Amino acid sequence: MRKSRIVLGVSDSHDAGVALLRDGEIVAALNEERLSRRKQASGTPVKALQRIFEFSGIAPEEVDVVAVAGRASLGAPPLNNDFSHADGRYPVSMAVAETISVLPGGMEALRQPAAVALYQGVLAPVRRRTVARLADALSALEVRAPMKFFDHHDAHLAAAYFTSGMPDCLVISNDGFGDGVCAKVAIGRSGRLSVIAENSFANSLGVLYNYATLLCGFRPSYHTGKTTGLAAYGDPSKTIDLFRDLLAWDPTHGMYACRGPLYRRMIRKLAAALTGVRREDIAAGIQLHVEQVLTAMTRHYLHRTGERCIALTGGIHANVRANQRIGELAGVDQAFIFPHMGDGGLSLGAAFLANVATHGGRSKRLEHVYFGPTFSDAEAAQSLAANGVHYERPADMATSVADALAQGWIVARCSGAMEYGPRALGNRSILGPAHDKDINDNLNRRLARSEFMPFAPIVRDEHAPTHFPDLPAALAHAAEFMTTTTGVAPRTATEAPAVVHVDGTARPQVLRQATNPELYTILGRYYARTGRAVLINTSFNRHDEPIVCSPAEAVDAFLESRLDFLALGPFLARHPALR
């Protein structure tokens, strides 16, 4: 009997994580933050490495190769807003680039391949130390397989291509930067990727968006989504010319180009130019600029390659409004966005690259992202009892949850395997009725959140055309994972105002029965009782914490946030305050 080929993917970038493939199929995937409880935790994912073998059914000694994402990643805690380390030190690579950027011809020099190579070379000693730490962690788990290293953006591209279900397509990666590059473009053909363009770290559109996020008063990288939501309240004409002057699409070279300066100098220049400007107008300007640059980039490469299908990845493509604009472009038949588009998805991409290098590969449609750990009924019962929470075991959980929602209660759901990626897609979600717009303020107060976008809607696929008629067929797959916005029907604004943004858009999760049968049944029974097809779906977590993973975390978050009901595995609990 042929032995299965097992690939372990690892990334130590921010939002470090691990993934396991068996014969090219995803078995399990998990990020360190869900176990360490530190949002976007970076460095060697020690806890995730240990846990993934515990729940995947794969033993460490079965691993044939360890695929490591990144050749020059810092493997360090996230950088501060000015790109200094947490202890105030400024990375040598950043300081050198910052100085060069203000010299005559400096920015042009930083765009050249030699600058990327220099960047990687400067970080080589740091990388050697992080690799040694990873080797120690693997050895402690008795993983004896050899390590192979893959480029940051190649891993991004692979994650998107091999989960898109499109054998032939254009694949684009845009992010802050990794391995000295902020963007890469490739063609996917019959299970192989061929890179056709890349862009230097000095030109990063993602970094510029982070700076705007900082000047809006939010934490870059962590809260860029707040900038996206805030943009709908502002006037882009007040600030977009400034952003265009600092970074513009260059059709001659087929890439966007920064006109400098870099890092702290750029922050100071932006801060001075935007003094006294409303943060809503800052957000609106950078958002529209990003949409225009990314659509110009997409058009350019669609025309150059003749492709009509596109897969998008990299942290910039967490920007759901920009993804919508790309999916609406004429000539785009399909636009798939890899659900774990940021660095948290690198481990899976590296695993795909290692697999295809020796055994070939194929692009297979991603049906779901429930690749995380699950839990036993006994664990759930123990966590509830340990906190003195009364619970019952309904004969029909879907009916009980639907009844609670129909009565206007908020229900937290922690059931089955945890989602992989930044979105809660039903198994670690908070559900609520969407017809009462006041639920947004109510729930945000309970969760101590300050949001500018409404909660996302979840709807069964049969009802999606009624409520989201503007969703193009090109974005149908993307909408299963909440990676795009779309316009809503007039009736949706009336029947489900809690999910509609001020600009008339929503970010839906369109649910198919095969993806999550029990959740699908809950939605169906809620519809049967109320005639309403839409529920709100927001992530199940406390403020500034990762999404809950374990039953114990679910019970803690449920109690502290004073949510009405908790559906924990087969058990349903009412908050003690409601008794």
Protein backbone atom coordinates (compact mmCIF):
# COMPACT_ATOMS: atom_id res chain seq x y z
CA MET A 1 0.00 0.00 0.00
CA ARG A 2 1.35 3.45 -0.97
CA LYS A 3 2.33 5.62 1.98
CA SER A 4 0.56 8.94 2.20
CA ARG A 5 2.74 12.02 1.75
CA ILE A 6 2.47 14.38 4.73
CA VAL A 7 3.59 18.00 4.48
CA LEU A 8 3.78 20.29 7.50
CA GLY A 9 3.61 24.00 6.66
CA VAL A 10 4.97 26.55 9.15
CA SER A 11 5.11 30.34 9.26
CA ASP A 12 6.66 32.48 12.01
CA SER A 13 5.60 35.82 10.55
CA HIS A 14 2.94 37.86 12.32
CA ASP A 15 -0.10 35.66 12.80
CA ALA A 16 2.20 32.64 12.85
CA GLY A 17 0.62 29.32 12.05
CA VAL A 18 0.84 25.71 10.90
CA ALA A 19 -0.95 23.52 8.38
CA LEU A 20 -0.94 19.84 7.44
CA LEU A 21 -1.51 18.33 4.00
CA ARG A 22 -2.00 14.66 3.23
CA ASP A 23 -1.43 13.88 -0.44
CA GLY A 24 -2.15 17.52 -1.26
CA GLU A 25 -5.44 17.66 0.70
CA ILE A 26 -5.87 20.01 3.67
CA VAL A 27 -6.12 18.01 6.89
CA ALA A 28 -5.75 20.73 9.52
CA ALA A 29 -4.65 24.34 9.90
CA LEU A 30 -4.27 26.54 12.95
CA ASN A 31 -2.77 29.86 14.02
CA GLU A 32 -0.79 30.47 17.20
CA GLU A 33 -3.00 33.37 18.32
CA ARG A 34 -5.94 31.05 19.03
CA LEU A 35 -3.86 29.17 21.61
CA SER A 36 -1.59 31.89 23.01
CA ARG A 37 -4.57 34.30 23.15
CA ARG A 38 -2.33 37.07 21.77
CA LYS A 39 -3.81 38.57 18.63
CA GLN A 40 -1.69 37.90 15.52
CA ALA A 41 1.01 36.24 17.64
CA SER A 42 4.33 35.92 15.81
CA GLY A 43 7.48 33.87 16.18
CA THR A 44 7.81 30.09 16.28
CA PRO A 45 4.24 28.72 16.64
CA VAL A 46 5.13 26.29 19.42
CA LYS A 47 1.61 25.81 20.78
CA ALA A 48 0.07 25.39 17.34
CA LEU A 49 2.71 22.85 16.34
CA GLN A 50 1.92 20.74 19.35
CA ARG A 51 -1.85 21.08 19.06
CA ILE A 52 -2.14 20.31 15.37
CA PHE A 53 -0.74 16.81 15.86
CA GLU A 54 -3.14 16.24 18.75
CA PHE A 55 -6.30 16.82 16.72
CA SER A 56 -5.31 16.00 13.14
CA GLY A 57 -4.77 12.26 13.54
CA ILE A 58 -1.26 12.64 12.09
CA ALA A 59 1.80 11.75 14.16
CA PRO A 60 4.94 13.94 14.07
CA GLU A 61 7.08 11.09 12.78
CA GLU A 62 4.79 10.74 9.74
CA VAL A 63 5.79 14.16 8.36
CA ASP A 64 7.82 13.86 5.16
CA VAL A 65 8.82 17.51 4.76
CA VAL A 66 8.49 20.75 6.72
CA ALA A 67 7.66 23.67 4.42
CA VAL A 68 8.70 27.00 5.94
CA ALA A 69 7.18 30.20 4.60
CA GLY A 70 9.63 33.09 4.24
CA ARG A 71 13.31 33.39 3.44
CA ALA A 72 13.92 36.62 5.35
CA SER A 73 10.97 37.14 7.66
CA LEU A 74 11.77 38.80 10.95
CA GLY A 75 10.06 36.17 13.07
CA ALA A 76 9.65 38.87 15.70
CA PRO A 77 6.74 40.58 17.45
CA PRO A 78 4.74 42.98 15.25
CA LEU A 79 6.52 46.26 14.62
CA ASN A 80 5.30 49.53 16.10
CA ASN A 81 3.61 52.18 14.00
CA ASP A 82 6.96 53.79 13.12
CA PHE A 83 8.48 50.38 12.29
CA SER A 84 10.52 50.26 15.47
CA HIS A 85 10.53 47.10 17.57
CA ALA A 86 8.48 46.86 20.76
CA ASP A 87 11.58 47.81 22.77
CA GLY A 88 12.18 50.92 20.67
CA ARG A 89 15.04 49.54 18.56
CA TYR A 90 14.90 50.38 14.87
CA PRO A 91 15.72 47.53 12.45
CA VAL A 92 18.92 48.12 10.50
CA SER A 93 17.22 47.20 7.23
CA MET A 94 14.52 49.81 7.79
CA ALA A 95 16.95 52.54 8.84
CA VAL A 96 19.16 51.99 5.79
CA ALA A 97 16.18 52.04 3.40
CA GLU A 98 14.76 55.14 5.08
CA THR A 99 18.03 57.01 4.62
CA ILE A 100 18.47 55.92 1.01
CA SER A 101 14.92 56.99 0.14
CA VAL A 102 15.71 60.71 0.56
CA LEU A 103 18.95 60.66 -1.46
CA PRO A 104 18.88 61.74 -5.11
CA GLY A 105 17.75 58.71 -7.09
CA GLY A 106 17.33 56.81 -3.84
CA MET A 107 13.76 55.66 -4.35
CA GLU A 108 14.56 54.42 -7.84
CA ALA A 109 17.46 52.43 -6.43
CA LEU A 110 15.22 50.87 -3.79
CA ARG A 111 12.87 49.62 -6.51
CA GLN A 112 15.58 47.52 -8.14
CA PRO A 113 16.05 43.74 -7.62
CA ALA A 114 19.42 44.44 -6.01
CA ALA A 115 17.67 46.31 -3.19
CA VAL A 116 15.43 43.35 -2.53
CA ALA A 117 18.47 41.06 -2.41
CA LEU A 118 20.23 43.46 -0.04
CA TYR A 119 17.17 43.53 2.22
CA GLN A 120 17.15 39.76 2.42
CA GLY A 121 20.89 39.70 3.05
CA VAL A 122 20.69 42.15 5.93
CA LEU A 123 18.07 39.96 7.60
CA ALA A 124 19.95 36.69 7.04
CA PRO A 125 21.47 36.56 10.57
CA VAL A 126 18.06 37.17 12.14
CA ARG A 127 16.58 34.46 9.97
CA ARG A 128 19.23 31.95 11.00
CA ARG A 129 18.30 32.46 14.65
CA THR A 130 14.58 32.01 14.00
CA VAL A 131 15.25 28.88 11.96
CA ALA A 132 17.28 27.46 14.84
CA ARG A 133 14.36 28.08 17.21
CA LEU A 134 12.00 26.35 14.80
CA ALA A 135 14.38 23.39 14.49
CA ASP A 136 14.45 23.04 18.27
CA ALA A 137 10.65 23.12 18.46
CA LEU A 138 10.33 20.47 15.76
CA SER A 139 12.94 18.27 17.38
CA ALA A 140 11.12 18.45 20.72
CA LEU A 141 8.03 17.08 18.97
CA GLU A 142 10.12 14.40 17.21
CA VAL A 143 9.52 15.80 13.75
CA ARG A 144 12.57 14.54 11.87
CA ALA A 145 11.65 15.62 8.36
CA PRO A 146 13.88 18.04 6.44
CA MET A 147 12.96 21.73 6.21
CA LYS A 148 12.47 23.46 2.88
CA PHE A 149 12.12 27.21 2.58
CA PHE A 150 9.82 29.14 0.27
CA ASP A 151 9.43 32.80 -0.64
CA HIS A 152 6.82 34.79 1.29
CA HIS A 153 4.79 35.88 -1.73
CA ASP A 154 5.15 32.54 -3.49
CA ALA A 155 3.43 31.05 -0.43
CA HIS A 156 0.68 33.69 -0.67
CA LEU A 157 0.19 32.90 -4.36
CA ALA A 158 0.10 29.15 -3.78
CA ALA A 159 -2.48 29.40 -1.01
CA ALA A 160 -4.83 31.30 -3.32
CA TYR A 161 -4.23 29.30 -6.48
CA PHE A 162 -4.48 25.80 -5.04
CA THR A 163 -7.75 26.61 -3.21
CA SER A 164 -9.42 28.60 -6.00
CA GLY A 165 -10.71 25.65 -7.99
CA MET A 166 -9.51 27.38 -11.17
CA PRO A 167 -6.88 25.36 -13.07
CA ASP A 168 -5.95 28.38 -15.22
CA CYS A 169 -6.06 31.87 -13.76
CA LEU A 170 -4.23 35.07 -12.92
CA VAL A 171 -2.98 35.15 -9.32
CA ILE A 172 -2.10 38.42 -7.56
CA SER A 173 -0.59 38.92 -4.10
CA ASN A 174 -0.49 42.36 -2.45
CA ASP A 175 0.53 43.03 1.14
CA GLY A 176 2.73 45.24 3.33
CA PHE A 177 5.86 43.36 2.36
CA GLY A 178 7.60 40.06 2.87
CA ASP A 179 11.04 38.85 1.79
CA GLY A 180 11.63 42.36 0.43
CA VAL A 181 8.63 42.34 -1.92
CA CYS A 182 5.19 43.97 -1.55
CA ALA A 183 3.46 42.37 -4.55
CA LYS A 184 3.78 39.45 -6.94
CA VAL A 185 1.80 38.41 -9.99
CA ALA A 186 1.71 34.90 -11.39
CA ILE A 187 -0.09 32.73 -13.90
CA GLY A 188 -1.55 29.46 -12.67
CA ARG A 189 -1.56 26.76 -15.29
CA SER A 190 -2.54 23.14 -14.72
CA GLY A 191 -1.19 22.93 -11.19
CA ARG A 192 1.89 25.13 -11.64
CA LEU A 193 2.60 28.78 -10.88
CA SER A 194 4.79 31.03 -13.04
CA VAL A 195 5.69 34.45 -11.60
CA ILE A 196 5.53 37.24 -14.20
CA ALA A 197 6.04 40.38 -12.07
CA GLU A 198 6.99 41.56 -8.61
CA ASN A 199 7.34 44.85 -6.75
CA SER A 200 9.92 46.08 -4.23
CA PHE A 201 9.07 46.63 -0.57
CA ALA A 202 9.80 50.34 -1.08
CA ASN A 203 6.57 50.72 -3.10
CA SER A 204 4.16 49.17 -0.62
CA LEU A 205 0.53 50.17 -1.00
CA GLY A 206 -0.27 48.18 2.13
CA VAL A 207 2.18 50.18 4.22
CA LEU A 208 0.65 53.43 2.97
CA TYR A 209 -2.78 52.18 4.03
CA ASN A 210 -1.33 51.35 7.44
CA TYR A 211 -0.02 54.89 7.78
CA ALA A 212 -3.45 56.30 6.97
CA THR A 213 -4.91 53.91 9.55
CA LEU A 214 -2.48 55.27 12.13
CA LEU A 215 -3.47 58.86 11.32
CA CYS A 216 -7.14 57.90 11.69
CA GLY A 217 -6.33 56.94 15.27
CA PHE A 218 -6.37 53.16 14.83
CA ARG A 219 -3.73 50.47 15.21
CA PRO A 220 -2.18 49.65 11.83
CA SER A 221 -2.34 46.00 10.73
CA TYR A 222 -4.80 45.18 13.52
CA HIS A 223 -7.52 47.72 12.73
CA THR A 224 -7.23 48.50 9.02
CA GLY A 225 -10.78 47.19 8.66
CA LYS A 226 -11.96 50.14 10.75
CA THR A 227 -10.42 52.48 8.18
CA THR A 228 -12.33 50.67 5.44
CA GLY A 229 -15.59 51.09 7.34
CA LEU A 230 -14.92 54.71 8.29
CA ALA A 231 -14.29 55.65 4.65
CA ALA A 232 -18.02 55.61 3.85
CA TYR A 233 -18.50 58.63 6.14
CA GLY A 234 -15.89 60.83 4.46
CA ASP A 235 -15.21 62.85 1.31
CA PRO A 236 -12.33 61.29 -0.67
CA SER A 237 -11.78 64.45 -2.73
CA LYS A 238 -10.34 66.15 0.34
CA THR A 239 -7.31 63.83 0.58
CA ILE A 240 -6.99 61.53 -2.43
CA ASP A 241 -4.64 63.84 -4.36
CA LEU A 242 -2.12 63.64 -1.53
CA PHE A 243 -2.15 59.85 -1.62
CA ARG A 244 -1.88 59.86 -5.43
CA ASP A 245 1.16 62.13 -5.20
CA LEU A 246 2.86 59.73 -2.78
CA LEU A 247 2.06 56.47 -4.58
CA ALA A 248 0.73 55.98 -8.07
CA TRP A 249 0.00 53.26 -10.60
CA ASP A 250 2.76 53.13 -13.22
CA PRO A 251 1.39 51.47 -16.38
CA THR A 252 4.80 51.53 -18.06
CA HIS A 253 6.31 49.19 -15.48
CA GLY A 254 3.04 47.45 -14.62
CA MET A 255 3.29 48.19 -10.91
CA TYR A 256 2.42 50.89 -8.41
CA ALA A 257 5.35 53.08 -7.38
CA CYS A 258 6.00 55.04 -4.20
CA ARG A 259 7.41 58.52 -4.62
CA GLY A 260 8.88 58.49 -1.13
CA PRO A 261 10.02 58.96 1.46
CA LEU A 262 9.83 55.83 3.63
CA TYR A 263 8.79 54.81 7.12
CA ARG A 264 9.12 57.50 9.81
CA ARG A 265 9.78 60.20 7.23
CA MET A 266 6.62 59.26 5.36
CA ILE A 267 4.57 59.25 8.57
CA ARG A 268 5.82 62.74 9.42
CA LYS A 269 5.09 64.01 5.91
CA LEU A 270 1.55 62.63 5.97
CA ALA A 271 0.90 63.91 9.48
CA ALA A 272 1.97 67.42 8.51
CA ALA A 273 -0.12 67.43 5.32
CA LEU A 274 -3.20 66.06 7.07
CA THR A 275 -3.15 68.28 10.15
CA GLY A 276 -6.69 69.42 10.89
CA VAL A 277 -8.24 67.05 8.34
CA ARG A 278 -11.16 64.91 9.54
CA ARG A 279 -10.25 61.28 9.94
CA GLU A 280 -13.32 60.33 7.90
CA ASP A 281 -11.83 62.21 4.93
CA ILE A 282 -8.42 60.56 5.44
CA ALA A 283 -10.08 57.15 5.40
CA ALA A 284 -12.18 57.98 2.36
CA GLY A 285 -9.17 59.22 0.39
CA ILE A 286 -6.90 56.26 1.04
CA GLN A 287 -9.75 53.78 0.48
CA LEU A 288 -10.70 55.17 -2.91
CA HIS A 289 -7.04 55.40 -3.89
CA VAL A 290 -6.43 51.75 -2.99
CA GLU A 291 -9.51 50.69 -4.95
CA GLN A 292 -8.35 52.63 -8.01
CA VAL A 293 -4.78 51.35 -7.87
CA LEU A 294 -5.82 47.71 -7.42
CA THR A 295 -8.41 47.82 -10.19
CA ALA A 296 -5.84 49.41 -12.51
CA MET A 297 -3.39 46.65 -11.61
CA THR A 298 -5.97 43.96 -12.25
CA ARG A 299 -7.01 45.40 -15.62
CA HIS A 300 -3.38 45.63 -16.67
CA TYR A 301 -2.61 41.97 -16.01
CA LEU A 302 -5.92 40.68 -17.33
CA HIS A 303 -5.16 42.47 -20.60
CA ARG A 304 -1.54 41.34 -20.63
CA THR A 305 -2.34 37.66 -19.99
CA GLY A 306 -5.75 37.28 -21.59
CA GLU A 307 -7.05 35.62 -18.43
CA ARG A 308 -10.62 36.10 -17.23
CA CYS A 309 -10.31 34.37 -13.84
CA ILE A 310 -8.34 35.79 -10.94
CA ALA A 311 -7.29 34.68 -7.46
CA LEU A 312 -6.33 37.36 -4.93
CA THR A 313 -4.29 37.09 -1.76
CA GLY A 314 -2.06 39.04 0.62
CA GLY A 315 -3.06 41.30 3.49
CA ILE A 316 -4.34 44.12 1.27
CA HIS A 317 -7.08 41.80 0.07
CA ALA A 318 -8.63 41.79 3.50
CA ASN A 319 -10.05 45.04 2.07
CA VAL A 320 -13.52 43.87 1.15
CA ARG A 321 -14.48 47.03 -0.73
CA ALA A 322 -11.46 46.79 -3.01
CA ASN A 323 -12.26 43.12 -3.63
CA GLN A 324 -15.79 44.10 -4.64
CA ARG A 325 -14.45 46.60 -7.17
CA ILE A 326 -12.17 43.98 -8.70
CA GLY A 327 -14.94 41.39 -8.91
CA GLU A 328 -17.19 43.90 -10.68
CA LEU A 329 -14.66 44.63 -13.44
CA ALA A 330 -15.72 43.86 -16.99
CA GLY A 331 -13.92 40.80 -18.26
CA VAL A 332 -13.68 39.09 -14.86
CA ASP A 333 -15.50 35.76 -14.90
CA GLN A 334 -14.36 34.64 -11.45
CA ALA A 335 -12.62 36.48 -8.61
CA PHE A 336 -11.65 34.27 -5.68
CA ILE A 337 -10.08 35.74 -2.54
CA PHE A 338 -8.18 33.27 -0.38
CA PRO A 339 -10.03 33.46 2.98
CA HIS A 340 -6.86 33.61 5.10
CA MET A 341 -5.32 36.21 2.84
CA GLY A 342 -2.88 37.75 5.33
CA ASP A 343 0.34 36.25 6.70
CA GLY A 344 -1.74 33.85 8.78
CA GLY A 345 -2.29 31.83 5.60
CA LEU A 346 1.38 31.50 4.65
CA SER A 347 1.90 28.11 6.28
CA LEU A 348 -0.74 26.53 4.05
CA GLY A 349 0.75 28.14 0.95
CA ALA A 350 4.22 26.86 1.81
CA ALA A 351 2.80 23.37 2.30
CA PHE A 352 1.22 23.47 -1.16
CA LEU A 353 4.54 24.56 -2.69
CA ALA A 354 6.43 21.71 -1.04
CA ASN A 355 3.85 19.22 -2.20
CA VAL A 356 3.75 20.40 -5.80
CA ALA A 357 7.56 20.49 -6.02
CA THR A 358 7.77 16.72 -5.79
CA HIS A 359 4.29 15.34 -6.42
CA GLY A 360 2.61 17.91 -8.62
CA GLY A 361 -0.64 19.57 -7.68
CA ARG A 362 -4.00 20.79 -8.83
CA SER A 363 -6.25 23.70 -8.00
CA LYS A 364 -9.18 22.38 -5.98
CA ARG A 365 -12.16 24.48 -4.95
CA LEU A 366 -12.09 25.33 -1.24
CA GLU A 367 -15.43 24.17 0.16
CA HIS A 368 -14.99 25.35 3.76
CA VAL A 369 -12.37 26.50 6.29
CA TYR A 370 -13.31 24.35 9.30
CA PHE A 371 -9.76 23.02 9.71
CA GLY A 372 -9.18 23.84 13.37
CA PRO A 373 -9.57 21.81 16.57
CA THR A 374 -12.89 20.58 17.88
CA PHE A 375 -13.85 19.40 21.38
CA SER A 376 -15.75 16.63 23.13
CA ASP A 377 -19.14 16.81 24.80
CA ALA A 378 -17.38 16.11 28.09
CA GLU A 379 -15.09 19.15 27.66
CA ALA A 380 -18.10 21.35 26.95
CA ALA A 381 -20.03 20.08 29.96
CA GLN A 382 -17.02 20.48 32.23
CA SER A 383 -16.43 24.09 31.15
CA LEU A 384 -20.05 25.00 31.80
CA ALA A 385 -20.18 23.24 35.17
CA ALA A 386 -16.86 24.76 36.29
CA ASN A 387 -18.42 28.22 35.91
CA GLY A 388 -21.70 27.29 37.56
CA VAL A 389 -23.62 27.75 34.31
CA HIS A 390 -26.91 25.86 34.09
CA TYR A 391 -27.40 24.15 30.74
CA GLU A 392 -29.61 21.69 28.96
CA ARG A 393 -29.19 19.29 26.08
CA PRO A 394 -31.99 20.05 23.60
CA ALA A 395 -33.38 17.20 21.55
CA ASP A 396 -33.19 19.51 18.52
CA MET A 397 -30.47 22.14 18.89
CA ALA A 398 -31.24 23.87 15.59
CA THR A 399 -34.86 24.43 16.60
CA SER A 400 -33.92 25.69 20.06
CA VAL A 401 -31.40 28.18 18.68
CA ALA A 402 -33.82 29.34 15.98
CA ASP A 403 -36.52 29.86 18.62
CA ALA A 404 -34.19 31.98 20.77
CA LEU A 405 -33.20 34.10 17.78
CA ALA A 406 -36.84 34.48 16.75
CA GLN A 407 -37.56 35.88 20.21
CA GLY A 408 -34.86 38.52 19.68
CA TRP A 409 -32.13 36.95 21.81
CA ILE A 410 -28.42 36.91 20.92
CA VAL A 411 -26.90 33.45 20.64
CA ALA A 412 -23.17 32.66 20.74
CA ARG A 413 -22.33 29.44 18.92
CA CYS A 414 -19.22 27.35 19.54
CA SER A 415 -19.58 24.03 17.78
CA GLY A 416 -17.50 21.64 15.69
CA ALA A 417 -14.13 22.43 14.16
CA MET A 418 -12.86 26.00 14.49
CA GLU A 419 -12.60 28.19 11.41
CA TYR A 420 -9.20 28.85 9.81
CA GLY A 421 -8.66 32.53 9.09
CA PRO A 422 -9.81 35.90 10.43
CA ARG A 423 -13.55 35.42 9.86
CA ALA A 424 -15.94 33.56 12.13
CA LEU A 425 -18.11 31.56 9.74
CA GLY A 426 -20.62 30.03 12.09
CA ASN A 427 -18.69 27.65 14.31
CA ARG A 428 -17.21 30.37 16.54
CA SER A 429 -19.81 33.06 15.89
CA ILE A 430 -22.29 35.32 17.63
CA LEU A 431 -25.66 35.24 15.88
CA GLY A 432 -28.50 37.70 16.27
CA PRO A 433 -31.63 39.07 14.59
CA ALA A 434 -30.84 41.65 11.92
CA HIS A 435 -34.22 43.42 11.74
CA ASP A 436 -33.50 45.63 14.78
CA LYS A 437 -30.86 48.21 13.95
CA ASP A 438 -30.33 48.96 17.64
CA ILE A 439 -28.75 45.54 18.03
CA ASN A 440 -25.50 46.98 16.63
CA ASP A 441 -25.06 49.47 19.47
CA ASN A 442 -26.34 46.99 22.02
CA LEU A 443 -23.97 44.21 21.01
CA ASN A 444 -21.00 46.51 20.48
CA ARG A 445 -21.44 47.76 24.05
CA ARG A 446 -21.50 44.22 25.37
CA LEU A 447 -18.39 43.32 23.39
CA ALA A 448 -16.62 46.65 24.11
CA ARG A 449 -16.15 47.23 20.38
CA SER A 450 -16.08 50.47 18.42
CA GLU A 451 -17.06 49.63 14.84
CA PHE A 452 -17.92 51.72 11.80
CA MET A 453 -19.21 48.87 9.71
CA PRO A 454 -22.38 47.01 10.60
CA PHE A 455 -22.28 43.35 11.51
CA ALA A 456 -21.99 40.94 8.62
CA PRO A 457 -25.07 39.09 7.41
CA ILE A 458 -25.35 35.34 7.06
CA VAL A 459 -27.91 33.99 4.62
CA ARG A 460 -28.68 30.67 2.95
CA ASP A 461 -27.70 30.48 -0.71
CA GLU A 462 -31.33 30.15 -1.80
CA HIS A 463 -32.13 33.57 -0.30
CA ALA A 464 -28.94 35.37 -1.37
CA PRO A 465 -30.27 36.64 -4.74
CA THR A 466 -33.28 38.21 -3.01
CA HIS A 467 -31.18 40.22 -0.58
CA PHE A 468 -27.95 40.71 -2.53
CA PRO A 469 -28.98 41.00 -6.19
CA ASP A 470 -25.88 43.04 -7.02
CA LEU A 471 -23.48 40.25 -6.05
CA PRO A 472 -21.84 39.30 -9.35
CA ALA A 473 -21.45 35.65 -10.24
CA ALA A 474 -17.70 36.29 -10.29
CA LEU A 475 -17.75 36.80 -6.51
CA ALA A 476 -20.10 33.95 -5.58
CA HIS A 477 -17.31 31.76 -4.18
CA ALA A 478 -15.72 34.69 -2.36
CA ALA A 479 -19.03 35.53 -0.68
CA GLU A 480 -19.04 32.15 1.05
CA PHE A 481 -16.12 33.42 3.16
CA MET A 482 -17.07 37.08 3.83
CA THR A 483 -14.25 38.39 1.65
CA THR A 484 -16.26 40.92 -0.37
CA THR A 485 -18.95 43.54 0.02
CA THR A 486 -21.90 43.98 -2.30
CA GLY A 487 -24.92 46.18 -2.72
CA VAL A 488 -28.16 45.18 -1.03
CA ALA A 489 -31.77 45.07 -2.19
CA PRO A 490 -34.12 47.82 -0.95
CA ARG A 491 -36.05 45.24 1.07
CA THR A 492 -32.85 44.23 2.87
CA ALA A 493 -32.32 47.76 4.14
CA THR A 494 -35.84 47.56 5.59
CA GLU A 495 -35.89 43.96 6.79
CA ALA A 496 -32.26 43.67 7.94
CA PRO A 497 -30.94 47.19 8.63
CA ALA A 498 -28.38 45.89 11.15
CA VAL A 499 -26.25 44.46 8.33
CA VAL A 500 -26.39 47.40 5.90
CA HIS A 501 -23.63 50.02 5.89
CA VAL A 502 -24.32 53.72 5.27
CA ASP A 503 -23.12 53.29 1.68
CA GLY A 504 -25.77 50.63 1.01
CA THR A 505 -23.40 47.65 1.07
CA ALA A 506 -23.02 44.54 3.21
CA ARG A 507 -20.36 41.84 3.65
CA PRO A 508 -22.32 38.59 3.41
CA GLN A 509 -21.60 35.01 4.26
CA VAL A 510 -23.61 33.01 1.75
CA LEU A 511 -24.07 29.57 3.25
CA ARG A 512 -24.54 26.32 1.37
CA GLN A 513 -26.09 23.31 3.08
CA ALA A 514 -23.11 21.07 2.36
CA THR A 515 -20.76 23.54 4.02
CA ASN A 516 -22.37 23.60 7.47
CA PRO A 517 -25.61 21.55 7.67
CA GLU A 518 -26.57 22.43 11.25
CA LEU A 519 -26.06 26.16 10.78
CA TYR A 520 -27.99 25.94 7.51
CA THR A 521 -30.84 24.29 9.41
CA ILE A 522 -30.81 27.04 12.07
CA LEU A 523 -31.22 29.67 9.36
CA GLY A 524 -34.00 27.69 7.73
CA ARG A 525 -35.96 27.29 10.95
CA TYR A 526 -35.48 30.93 11.85
CA TYR A 527 -36.91 31.83 8.43
CA ALA A 528 -39.85 29.47 8.95
CA ARG A 529 -40.70 31.17 12.26
CA THR A 530 -40.14 34.79 11.27
CA GLY A 531 -40.20 35.09 7.49
CA ARG A 532 -36.74 36.72 7.77
CA ALA A 533 -33.82 35.10 5.97
CA VAL A 534 -30.94 37.20 7.30
CA LEU A 535 -29.12 36.96 10.65
CA ILE A 536 -26.13 38.90 11.87
CA ASN A 537 -22.91 36.94 12.25
CA THR A 538 -19.99 38.44 14.15
CA SER A 539 -16.91 36.81 15.61
CA PHE A 540 -17.17 35.19 19.04
CA ASN A 541 -14.46 36.94 21.04
CA ARG A 542 -13.92 39.56 23.68
CA HIS A 543 -12.56 42.97 22.71
CA ASP A 544 -9.08 42.80 21.15
CA GLU A 545 -8.81 39.06 21.78
CA PRO A 546 -8.59 36.33 19.15
CA ILE A 547 -11.73 34.36 18.31
CA VAL A 548 -12.47 31.74 20.96
CA CYS A 549 -11.06 28.28 20.40
CA SER A 550 -11.89 26.10 23.41
CA PRO A 551 -15.11 25.55 25.39
CA ALA A 552 -13.51 27.27 28.41
CA GLU A 553 -12.81 30.41 26.36
CA ALA A 554 -16.32 30.32 24.94
CA VAL A 555 -17.88 30.16 28.41
CA ASP A 556 -15.68 32.99 29.70
CA ALA A 557 -16.51 35.25 26.75
CA PHE A 558 -20.21 34.37 27.01
CA LEU A 559 -20.36 35.32 30.68
CA GLU A 560 -18.21 38.44 30.51
CA SER A 561 -19.99 39.83 27.43
CA ARG A 562 -23.41 39.06 28.92
CA LEU A 563 -24.63 37.31 25.79
CA ASP A 564 -28.11 35.84 26.07
CA PHE A 565 -27.54 32.22 25.06
CA LEU A 566 -24.57 29.97 24.42
CA ALA A 567 -24.84 26.96 22.10
CA LEU A 568 -21.77 24.97 23.11
CA GLY A 569 -21.57 21.70 21.22
CA PRO A 570 -24.80 19.83 22.09
CA PHE A 571 -25.58 22.05 25.10
CA LEU A 572 -27.59 25.25 25.33
CA ALA A 573 -27.10 27.68 28.23
CA ARG A 574 -28.98 30.82 29.16
CA HIS A 575 -26.97 33.65 30.73
CA PRO A 576 -27.44 33.68 34.53
CA ALA A 577 -28.48 37.34 34.36
CA LEU A 578 -31.57 36.34 32.38
CA ARG A 579 -32.88 33.99 35.06
